[in-house]
Amino acid sequence: MKSHLLIAFGLLVAGIFLIRGLEALAEPGWGLLELYIFGGFVLAGLLVRQGFKLRQK
């Protein structure tokens, strides 16, 4: 059950940051917003990965 929650929450966070990332690409240049969005993708990836690791046990 915990693995499913981690995977679902990770995918939700990835979806949110995907939308924010597409909005950020519309603006020229790179800045702190892009780093924030990249960090969100990293967090989402870690959540999904941890969920799959728990599911394999």
PDB file of N, CA and C in Angstrom:
ATOM      1  N   MET A   1       0.826  -1.197   0.000  1.00  0.00           N
ATOM      2  CA  MET A   1       0.000   0.000   0.000  1.00  0.00           C
ATOM      3  C   MET A   1       0.865   1.254   0.000  1.00  0.00           C
ATOM      4  N   LYS A   2       1.928   1.236   0.819  1.00  0.00           N
ATOM      5  CA  LYS A   2       2.807   2.399   0.889  1.00  0.00           C
ATOM      6  C   LYS A   2       3.488   2.634  -0.450  1.00  0.00           C
ATOM      7  N   SER A   3       3.845   1.550  -1.146  1.00  0.00           N
ATOM      8  CA  SER A   3       4.508   1.706  -2.441  1.00  0.00           C
ATOM      9  C   SER A   3       3.592   2.381  -3.448  1.00  0.00           C
ATOM     10  N   HIS A   4       2.310   2.019  -3.406  1.00  0.00           N
ATOM     11  CA  HIS A   4       1.354   2.636  -4.326  1.00  0.00           C
ATOM     12  C   HIS A   4       1.192   4.128  -4.049  1.00  0.00           C
ATOM     13  N   LEU A   5       1.181   4.488  -2.782  1.00  0.00           N
ATOM     14  CA  LEU A   5       1.061   5.902  -2.428  1.00  0.00           C
ATOM     15  C   LEU A   5       2.282   6.695  -2.891  1.00  0.00           C
ATOM     16  N   LEU A   6       3.470   6.128  -2.717  1.00  0.00           N
ATOM     17  CA  LEU A   6       4.692   6.814  -3.152  1.00  0.00           C
ATOM     18  C   LEU A   6       4.707   7.002  -4.663  1.00  0.00           C
ATOM     19  N   ILE A   7       4.336   5.961  -5.389  1.00  0.00           N
ATOM     20  CA  ILE A   7       4.316   6.052  -6.853  1.00  0.00           C
ATOM     21  C   ILE A   7       3.280   7.074  -7.313  1.00  0.00           C
ATOM     22  N   ALA A   8       2.080   7.020  -6.733  1.00  0.00           N
ATOM     23  CA  ALA A   8       1.019   7.956  -7.129  1.00  0.00           C
ATOM     24  C   ALA A   8       1.402   9.394  -6.809  1.00  0.00           C
ATOM     25  N   PHE A   9       1.951   9.615  -5.616  1.00  0.00           N
ATOM     26  CA  PHE A   9       2.349  10.967  -5.242  1.00  0.00           C
ATOM     27  C   PHE A   9       3.500  11.454  -6.117  1.00  0.00           C
ATOM     28  N   GLY A  10       4.432  10.573  -6.444  1.00  0.00           N
ATOM     29  CA  GLY A  10       5.539  10.940  -7.331  1.00  0.00           C
ATOM     30  C   GLY A  10       5.051  11.326  -8.717  1.00  0.00           C
ATOM     31  N   LEU A  11       4.100  10.581  -9.237  1.00  0.00           N
ATOM     32  CA  LEU A  11       3.552  10.912 -10.558  1.00  0.00           C
ATOM     33  C   LEU A  11       2.762  12.219 -10.522  1.00  0.00           C
ATOM     34  N   LEU A  12       2.064  12.457  -9.423  1.00  0.00           N
ATOM     35  CA  LEU A  12       1.336  13.714  -9.279  1.00  0.00           C
ATOM     36  C   LEU A  12       2.299  14.898  -9.255  1.00  0.00           C
ATOM     37  N   VAL A  13       3.367  14.775  -8.477  1.00  0.00           N
ATOM     38  CA  VAL A  13       4.365  15.849  -8.405  1.00  0.00           C
ATOM     39  C   VAL A  13       5.022  16.054  -9.769  1.00  0.00           C
ATOM     40  N   ALA A  14       5.315  14.949 -10.471  1.00  0.00           N
ATOM     41  CA  ALA A  14       5.914  15.061 -11.808  1.00  0.00           C
ATOM     42  C   ALA A  14       4.969  15.788 -12.765  1.00  0.00           C
ATOM     43  N   GLY A  15       3.680  15.494 -12.689  1.00  0.00           N
ATOM     44  CA  GLY A  15       2.710  16.168 -13.552  1.00  0.00           C
ATOM     45  C   GLY A  15       2.624  17.656 -13.269  1.00  0.00           C
ATOM     46  N   ILE A  16       2.639  18.001 -12.007  1.00  0.00           N
ATOM     47  CA  ILE A  16       2.581  19.415 -11.635  1.00  0.00           C
ATOM     48  C   ILE A  16       3.812  20.152 -12.144  1.00  0.00           C
ATOM     49  N   PHE A  17       4.986  19.553 -11.925  1.00  0.00           N
ATOM     50  CA  PHE A  17       6.202  20.226 -12.357  1.00  0.00           C
ATOM     51  C   PHE A  17       6.380  20.183 -13.868  1.00  0.00           C
ATOM     52  N   LEU A  18       5.743  19.228 -14.549  1.00  0.00           N
ATOM     53  CA  LEU A  18       5.763  19.232 -16.012  1.00  0.00           C
ATOM     54  C   LEU A  18       5.015  20.452 -16.535  1.00  0.00           C
ATOM     55  N   ILE A  19       3.860  20.724 -15.979  1.00  0.00           N
ATOM     56  CA  ILE A  19       3.085  21.894 -16.399  1.00  0.00           C
ATOM     57  C   ILE A  19       3.842  23.178 -16.085  1.00  0.00           C
ATOM     58  N   ARG A  20       4.421  23.257 -14.875  1.00  0.00           N
ATOM     59  CA  ARG A  20       5.199  24.449 -14.510  1.00  0.00           C
ATOM     60  C   ARG A  20       6.422  24.600 -15.406  1.00  0.00           C
ATOM     61  N   GLY A  21       7.030  23.473 -15.777  1.00  0.00           N
ATOM     62  CA  GLY A  21       8.193  23.507 -16.658  1.00  0.00           C
ATOM     63  C   GLY A  21       7.848  24.003 -18.049  1.00  0.00           C
ATOM     64  N   LEU A  22       6.694  23.590 -18.560  1.00  0.00           N
ATOM     65  CA  LEU A  22       6.270  24.066 -19.877  1.00  0.00           C
ATOM     66  C   LEU A  22       5.989  25.569 -19.848  1.00  0.00           C
ATOM     67  N   GLU A  23       5.435  26.050 -18.741  1.00  0.00           N
ATOM     68  CA  GLU A  23       5.221  27.492 -18.609  1.00  0.00           C
ATOM     69  C   GLU A  23       6.548  28.240 -18.526  1.00  0.00           C
ATOM     70  N   ALA A  24       7.533  27.648 -17.852  1.00  0.00           N
ATOM     71  CA  ALA A  24       8.832  28.305 -17.697  1.00  0.00           C
ATOM     72  C   ALA A  24       9.597  28.337 -19.014  1.00  0.00           C
ATOM     73  N   LEU A  25       9.376  27.354 -19.871  1.00  0.00           N
ATOM     74  CA  LEU A  25      10.072  27.337 -21.162  1.00  0.00           C
ATOM     75  C   LEU A  25       9.604  28.453 -22.089  1.00  0.00           C
ATOM     76  N   ALA A  26       8.423  28.961 -21.838  1.00  0.00           N
ATOM     77  CA  ALA A  26       7.891  30.043 -22.666  1.00  0.00           C
ATOM     78  C   ALA A  26       8.642  31.352 -22.423  1.00  0.00           C
ATOM     79  N   GLU A  27       9.275  31.465 -21.259  1.00  0.00           N
ATOM     80  CA  GLU A  27      10.014  32.681 -20.926  1.00  0.00           C
ATOM     81  C   GLU A  27      11.483  32.504 -21.308  1.00  0.00           C
ATOM     82  N   PRO A  28      12.116  33.546 -21.809  1.00  0.00           N
ATOM     83  CA  PRO A  28      13.521  33.419 -22.198  1.00  0.00           C
ATOM     84  C   PRO A  28      14.451  33.366 -20.982  1.00  0.00           C
ATOM     85  N   GLY A  29      15.566  32.678 -21.156  1.00  0.00           N
ATOM     86  CA  GLY A  29      16.603  32.653 -20.128  1.00  0.00           C
ATOM     87  C   GLY A  29      16.414  31.548 -19.105  1.00  0.00           C
ATOM     88  N   TRP A  30      17.469  31.356 -18.310  1.00  0.00           N
ATOM     89  CA  TRP A  30      17.471  30.357 -17.247  1.00  0.00           C
ATOM     90  C   TRP A  30      17.675  31.058 -15.922  1.00  0.00           C
ATOM     91  N   GLY A  31      17.005  30.600 -14.909  1.00  0.00           N
ATOM     92  CA  GLY A  31      17.125  31.234 -13.597  1.00  0.00           C
ATOM     93  C   GLY A  31      16.744  30.291 -12.483  1.00  0.00           C
ATOM     94  N   LEU A  32      16.374  30.879 -11.358  1.00  0.00           N
ATOM     95  CA  LEU A  32      16.031  30.076 -10.190  1.00  0.00           C
ATOM     96  C   LEU A  32      14.753  29.267 -10.385  1.00  0.00           C
ATOM     97  N   LEU A  33      13.837  29.771 -11.183  1.00  0.00           N
ATOM     98  CA  LEU A  33      12.592  29.036 -11.425  1.00  0.00           C
ATOM     99  C   LEU A  33      12.876  27.695 -12.098  1.00  0.00           C
ATOM    100  N   GLU A  34      13.795  27.691 -13.046  1.00  0.00           N
ATOM    101  CA  GLU A  34      14.133  26.453 -13.730  1.00  0.00           C
ATOM    102  C   GLU A  34      14.826  25.475 -12.794  1.00  0.00           C
ATOM    103  N   LEU A  35      15.661  25.987 -11.885  1.00  0.00           N
ATOM    104  CA  LEU A  35      16.291  25.116 -10.893  1.00  0.00           C
ATOM    105  C   LEU A  35      15.256  24.526  -9.946  1.00  0.00           C
ATOM    106  N   TYR A  36      14.273  25.321  -9.577  1.00  0.00           N
ATOM    107  CA  TYR A  36      13.178  24.864  -8.724  1.00  0.00           C
ATOM    108  C   TYR A  36      12.398  23.744  -9.411  1.00  0.00           C
ATOM    109  N   ILE A  37      12.133  23.918 -10.681  1.00  0.00           N
ATOM    110  CA  ILE A  37      11.391  22.913 -11.437  1.00  0.00           C
ATOM    111  C   ILE A  37      12.228  21.643 -11.602  1.00  0.00           C
ATOM    112  N   PHE A  38      13.512  21.793 -11.862  1.00  0.00           N
ATOM    113  CA  PHE A  38      14.396  20.630 -11.954  1.00  0.00           C
ATOM    114  C   PHE A  38      14.423  19.863 -10.631  1.00  0.00           C
ATOM    115  N   GLY A  39      14.465  20.588  -9.533  1.00  0.00           N
ATOM    116  CA  GLY A  39      14.421  19.951  -8.213  1.00  0.00           C
ATOM    117  C   GLY A  39      13.128  19.193  -7.987  1.00  0.00           C
ATOM    118  N   GLY A  40      12.031  19.719  -8.496  1.00  0.00           N
ATOM    119  CA  GLY A  40      10.752  19.021  -8.404  1.00  0.00           C
ATOM    120  C   GLY A  40      10.755  17.718  -9.178  1.00  0.00           C
ATOM    121  N   PHE A  41      11.378  17.721 -10.361  1.00  0.00           N
ATOM    122  CA  PHE A  41      11.494  16.487 -11.135  1.00  0.00           C
ATOM    123  C   PHE A  41      12.369  15.464 -10.412  1.00  0.00           C
ATOM    124  N   VAL A  42      13.429  15.936  -9.797  1.00  0.00           N
ATOM    125  CA  VAL A  42      14.298  15.025  -9.044  1.00  0.00           C
ATOM    126  C   VAL A  42      13.530  14.417  -7.873  1.00  0.00           C
ATOM    127  N   LEU A  43      12.795  15.236  -7.152  1.00  0.00           N
ATOM    128  CA  LEU A  43      11.988  14.743  -6.037  1.00  0.00           C
ATOM    129  C   LEU A  43      10.951  13.726  -6.520  1.00  0.00           C
ATOM    130  N   ALA A  44      10.289  14.023  -7.616  1.00  0.00           N
ATOM    131  CA  ALA A  44       9.287  13.099  -8.155  1.00  0.00           C
ATOM    132  C   ALA A  44       9.939  11.782  -8.564  1.00  0.00           C
ATOM    133  N   GLY A  45      11.085  11.855  -9.189  1.00  0.00           N
ATOM    134  CA  GLY A  45      11.795  10.638  -9.580  1.00  0.00           C
ATOM    135  C   GLY A  45      12.204   9.796  -8.386  1.00  0.00           C
ATOM    136  N   LEU A  46      12.655  10.453  -7.323  1.00  0.00           N
ATOM    137  CA  LEU A  46      13.039   9.723  -6.119  1.00  0.00           C
ATOM    138  C   LEU A  46      11.833   9.044  -5.469  1.00  0.00           C
ATOM    139  N   LEU A  47      10.700   9.730  -5.472  1.00  0.00           N
ATOM    140  CA  LEU A  47       9.488   9.129  -4.891  1.00  0.00           C
ATOM    141  C   LEU A  47       9.036   7.904  -5.676  1.00  0.00           C
ATOM    142  N   VAL A  48       9.036   8.020  -6.992  1.00  0.00           N
ATOM    143  CA  VAL A  48       8.613   6.890  -7.828  1.00  0.00           C
ATOM    144  C   VAL A  48       9.598   5.735  -7.681  1.00  0.00           C
ATOM    145  N   ARG A  49      10.875   6.046  -7.670  1.00  0.00           N
ATOM    146  CA  ARG A  49      11.904   4.999  -7.529  1.00  0.00           C
ATOM    147  C   ARG A  49      11.758   4.281  -6.186  1.00  0.00           C
ATOM    148  N   GLN A  50      11.562   5.034  -5.122  1.00  0.00           N
ATOM    149  CA  GLN A  50      11.395   4.415  -3.802  1.00  0.00           C
ATOM    150  C   GLN A  50      10.132   3.557  -3.771  1.00  0.00           C
ATOM    151  N   GLY A  51       9.080   4.004  -4.430  1.00  0.00           N
ATOM    152  CA  GLY A  51       7.856   3.209  -4.487  1.00  0.00           C
ATOM    153  C   GLY A  51       8.061   1.890  -5.203  1.00  0.00           C
ATOM    154  N   PHE A  52       8.815   1.919  -6.303  1.00  0.00           N
ATOM    155  CA  PHE A  52       9.080   0.672  -7.028  1.00  0.00           C
ATOM    156  C   PHE A  52      10.009  -0.242  -6.223  1.00  0.00           C
ATOM    157  N   LYS A  53      10.952   0.336  -5.482  1.00  0.00           N
ATOM    158  CA  LYS A  53      11.823  -0.485  -4.654  1.00  0.00           C
ATOM    159  C   LYS A  53      11.026  -1.173  -3.546  1.00  0.00           C
ATOM    160  N   LEU A  54      10.078  -0.463  -2.937  1.00  0.00           N
ATOM    161  CA  LEU A  54       9.240  -1.072  -1.901  1.00  0.00           C
ATOM    162  C   LEU A  54       8.326  -2.146  -2.483  1.00  0.00           C
ATOM    163  N   ARG A  55       7.900  -1.950  -3.698  1.00  0.00           N
ATOM    164  CA  ARG A  55       6.987  -2.896  -4.326  1.00  0.00           C
ATOM    165  C   ARG A  55       7.682  -4.206  -4.638  1.00  0.00           C
ATOM    166  N   GLN A  56       8.976  -4.167  -4.922  1.00  0.00           N
ATOM    167  CA  GLN A  56       9.716  -5.387  -5.258  1.00  0.00           C
ATOM    168  C   GLN A  56       9.982  -6.258  -4.040  1.00  0.00           C
ATOM    169  N   LYS A  57       9.929  -5.681  -2.856  1.00  0.00           N
ATOM    170  CA  LYS A  57      10.199  -6.477  -1.639  1.00  0.00           C
ATOM    171  C   LYS A  57       9.094  -7.444  -1.325  1.00  0.00           C
TER     172      LYS A  57
END
